[in-house]
Amino acid sequence: MKAADVRAMTPDQLDDELTNLKKEQFNLRFQKATGQLEKTARVRQIRRDIARIKTIAAQKAAEKKA
């Protein structure tokens, strides 16, 4: 997910996407624990996408207050 794509989202869309990514992260952790995880790079990608969404959401909130 590109930062430009995330910036174009509304706060509600950001919340929904964050929820979906957290669910996927949870499922990937279970797959890793049971030895069924095939795409190990996806864990890192999800973690970075979550951080990207949280960062941009915080920036948007700060802009709104200022």
N, C-alpha and C. Protein backbone atom coordinates (compact mmCIF):
# COMPACT_ATOMS: atom_id res chain seq x y z
N MET A 1 0.85 -1.17 0.00
CA MET A 1 0.00 0.00 0.00
C MET A 1 0.90 1.24 0.00
N LYS A 2 0.62 2.14 -0.91
CA LYS A 2 1.41 3.36 -1.04
C LYS A 2 0.89 4.44 -0.09
N ALA A 3 1.77 5.32 0.34
CA ALA A 3 1.39 6.40 1.24
C ALA A 3 0.38 7.32 0.57
N ALA A 4 0.52 7.53 -0.73
CA ALA A 4 -0.41 8.40 -1.45
C ALA A 4 -1.83 7.82 -1.42
N ASP A 5 -1.93 6.51 -1.52
CA ASP A 5 -3.23 5.85 -1.45
C ASP A 5 -3.86 6.04 -0.07
N VAL A 6 -3.05 5.94 0.95
CA VAL A 6 -3.54 6.07 2.33
C VAL A 6 -3.98 7.52 2.58
N ARG A 7 -3.22 8.47 2.09
CA ARG A 7 -3.57 9.88 2.28
C ARG A 7 -4.89 10.25 1.62
N ALA A 8 -5.25 9.53 0.57
CA ALA A 8 -6.49 9.82 -0.14
C ALA A 8 -7.72 9.28 0.58
N MET A 9 -7.52 8.43 1.57
CA MET A 9 -8.64 7.81 2.30
C MET A 9 -9.23 8.77 3.33
N THR A 10 -10.51 8.56 3.62
CA THR A 10 -11.17 9.32 4.68
C THR A 10 -10.84 8.66 6.02
N PRO A 11 -11.06 9.37 7.13
CA PRO A 11 -10.79 8.75 8.44
C PRO A 11 -11.55 7.45 8.67
N ASP A 12 -12.78 7.36 8.18
CA ASP A 12 -13.55 6.12 8.35
C ASP A 12 -12.92 4.98 7.55
N GLN A 13 -12.47 5.29 6.35
CA GLN A 13 -11.81 4.28 5.53
C GLN A 13 -10.51 3.83 6.17
N LEU A 14 -9.79 4.76 6.78
CA LEU A 14 -8.55 4.41 7.47
C LEU A 14 -8.82 3.45 8.63
N ASP A 15 -9.87 3.73 9.39
CA ASP A 15 -10.23 2.85 10.51
C ASP A 15 -10.59 1.45 10.01
N ASP A 16 -11.36 1.39 8.93
CA ASP A 16 -11.75 0.09 8.37
C ASP A 16 -10.53 -0.68 7.88
N GLU A 17 -9.65 0.00 7.17
CA GLU A 17 -8.46 -0.66 6.64
C GLU A 17 -7.55 -1.13 7.79
N LEU A 18 -7.44 -0.32 8.83
CA LEU A 18 -6.63 -0.70 9.99
C LEU A 18 -7.20 -1.95 10.66
N THR A 19 -8.50 -2.01 10.78
CA THR A 19 -9.15 -3.19 11.36
C THR A 19 -8.88 -4.43 10.52
N ASN A 20 -9.00 -4.29 9.20
CA ASN A 20 -8.75 -5.43 8.31
C ASN A 20 -7.30 -5.91 8.40
N LEU A 21 -6.38 -4.96 8.47
CA LEU A 21 -4.97 -5.33 8.54
C LEU A 21 -4.64 -6.01 9.87
N LYS A 22 -5.25 -5.54 10.95
CA LYS A 22 -5.01 -6.17 12.26
C LYS A 22 -5.55 -7.60 12.28
N LYS A 23 -6.70 -7.83 11.64
CA LYS A 23 -7.25 -9.18 11.55
C LYS A 23 -6.32 -10.08 10.75
N GLU A 24 -5.82 -9.54 9.63
CA GLU A 24 -4.90 -10.33 8.81
C GLU A 24 -3.61 -10.63 9.56
N GLN A 25 -3.12 -9.66 10.32
CA GLN A 25 -1.92 -9.86 11.11
C GLN A 25 -2.14 -10.97 12.15
N PHE A 26 -3.30 -10.97 12.77
CA PHE A 26 -3.65 -12.00 13.74
C PHE A 26 -3.64 -13.38 13.09
N ASN A 27 -4.27 -13.47 11.91
CA ASN A 27 -4.31 -14.75 11.20
C ASN A 27 -2.92 -15.22 10.79
N LEU A 28 -2.08 -14.28 10.36
CA LEU A 28 -0.72 -14.64 9.97
C LEU A 28 0.09 -15.15 11.16
N ARG A 29 -0.13 -14.56 12.33
CA ARG A 29 0.57 -15.03 13.53
C ARG A 29 0.17 -16.47 13.86
N PHE A 30 -1.10 -16.79 13.69
CA PHE A 30 -1.55 -18.16 13.94
C PHE A 30 -0.94 -19.11 12.92
N GLN A 31 -0.90 -18.69 11.66
CA GLN A 31 -0.30 -19.54 10.64
C GLN A 31 1.18 -19.79 10.93
N LYS A 32 1.87 -18.76 11.40
CA LYS A 32 3.29 -18.92 11.73
C LYS A 32 3.47 -19.89 12.89
N ALA A 33 2.61 -19.78 13.90
CA ALA A 33 2.72 -20.63 15.07
C ALA A 33 2.46 -22.11 14.74
N THR A 34 1.58 -22.35 13.78
CA THR A 34 1.24 -23.73 13.42
C THR A 34 2.09 -24.25 12.27
N GLY A 35 2.99 -23.40 11.76
CA GLY A 35 3.88 -23.84 10.69
C GLY A 35 3.24 -23.83 9.32
N GLN A 36 2.14 -23.13 9.13
CA GLN A 36 1.43 -23.10 7.85
C GLN A 36 1.71 -21.84 7.05
N LEU A 37 2.53 -20.94 7.57
CA LEU A 37 2.79 -19.67 6.90
C LEU A 37 3.74 -19.88 5.73
N GLU A 38 3.30 -19.51 4.52
CA GLU A 38 4.12 -19.68 3.34
C GLU A 38 4.81 -18.38 2.94
N LYS A 39 4.10 -17.27 3.00
CA LYS A 39 4.67 -15.98 2.60
C LYS A 39 5.10 -15.21 3.85
N THR A 40 6.31 -15.45 4.29
CA THR A 40 6.78 -14.82 5.52
C THR A 40 6.97 -13.32 5.36
N ALA A 41 7.20 -12.84 4.16
CA ALA A 41 7.39 -11.40 3.92
C ALA A 41 6.09 -10.63 4.15
N ARG A 42 4.98 -11.31 4.07
CA ARG A 42 3.68 -10.65 4.25
C ARG A 42 3.54 -10.11 5.68
N VAL A 43 4.13 -10.77 6.65
CA VAL A 43 4.07 -10.32 8.05
C VAL A 43 4.69 -8.93 8.16
N ARG A 44 5.86 -8.77 7.57
CA ARG A 44 6.55 -7.48 7.60
C ARG A 44 5.77 -6.41 6.85
N GLN A 45 5.21 -6.78 5.72
CA GLN A 45 4.44 -5.84 4.90
C GLN A 45 3.21 -5.34 5.66
N ILE A 46 2.51 -6.25 6.33
CA ILE A 46 1.32 -5.88 7.10
C ILE A 46 1.70 -4.95 8.24
N ARG A 47 2.79 -5.28 8.94
CA ARG A 47 3.23 -4.45 10.06
C ARG A 47 3.54 -3.03 9.60
N ARG A 48 4.18 -2.91 8.47
CA ARG A 48 4.53 -1.58 7.94
C ARG A 48 3.29 -0.82 7.45
N ASP A 49 2.35 -1.54 6.86
CA ASP A 49 1.11 -0.89 6.42
C ASP A 49 0.33 -0.35 7.62
N ILE A 50 0.30 -1.12 8.71
CA ILE A 50 -0.39 -0.66 9.92
C ILE A 50 0.27 0.61 10.44
N ALA A 51 1.59 0.62 10.49
CA ALA A 51 2.31 1.80 10.96
C ALA A 51 2.06 3.00 10.05
N ARG A 52 2.03 2.75 8.75
CA ARG A 52 1.79 3.82 7.78
C ARG A 52 0.40 4.44 7.99
N ILE A 53 -0.59 3.59 8.18
CA ILE A 53 -1.96 4.09 8.38
C ILE A 53 -2.06 4.87 9.68
N LYS A 54 -1.46 4.36 10.75
CA LYS A 54 -1.51 5.06 12.04
C LYS A 54 -0.83 6.41 11.95
N THR A 55 0.31 6.48 11.25
CA THR A 55 1.05 7.73 11.12
C THR A 55 0.23 8.77 10.35
N ILE A 56 -0.33 8.37 9.24
CA ILE A 56 -1.09 9.32 8.43
C ILE A 56 -2.37 9.73 9.14
N ALA A 57 -3.00 8.82 9.86
CA ALA A 57 -4.20 9.17 10.62
C ALA A 57 -3.87 10.20 11.69
N ALA A 58 -2.73 10.04 12.35
CA ALA A 58 -2.30 11.01 13.37
C ALA A 58 -2.00 12.37 12.74
N GLN A 59 -1.39 12.36 11.56
CA GLN A 59 -1.11 13.62 10.87
C GLN A 59 -2.39 14.34 10.48
N LYS A 60 -3.37 13.58 10.00
CA LYS A 60 -4.65 14.18 9.64
C LYS A 60 -5.36 14.75 10.85
N ALA A 61 -5.28 14.06 11.98
CA ALA A 61 -5.90 14.54 13.21
C ALA A 61 -5.22 15.81 13.68
N ALA A 62 -3.90 15.89 13.55
CA ALA A 62 -3.16 17.09 13.97
C ALA A 62 -3.50 18.27 13.07
N GLU A 63 -3.68 18.02 11.78
CA GLU A 63 -4.04 19.08 10.84
C GLU A 63 -5.43 19.63 11.17
N LYS A 64 -6.30 18.71 11.57
CA LYS A 64 -7.67 19.11 11.87
C LYS A 64 -7.73 20.01 13.10
N LYS A 65 -6.88 19.72 14.09
CA LYS A 65 -6.86 20.54 15.33
C LYS A 65 -6.20 21.88 15.10
N ALA A 66 -5.25 21.94 14.20
CA ALA A 66 -4.51 23.21 13.97
C ALA A 66 -5.27 24.19 13.14
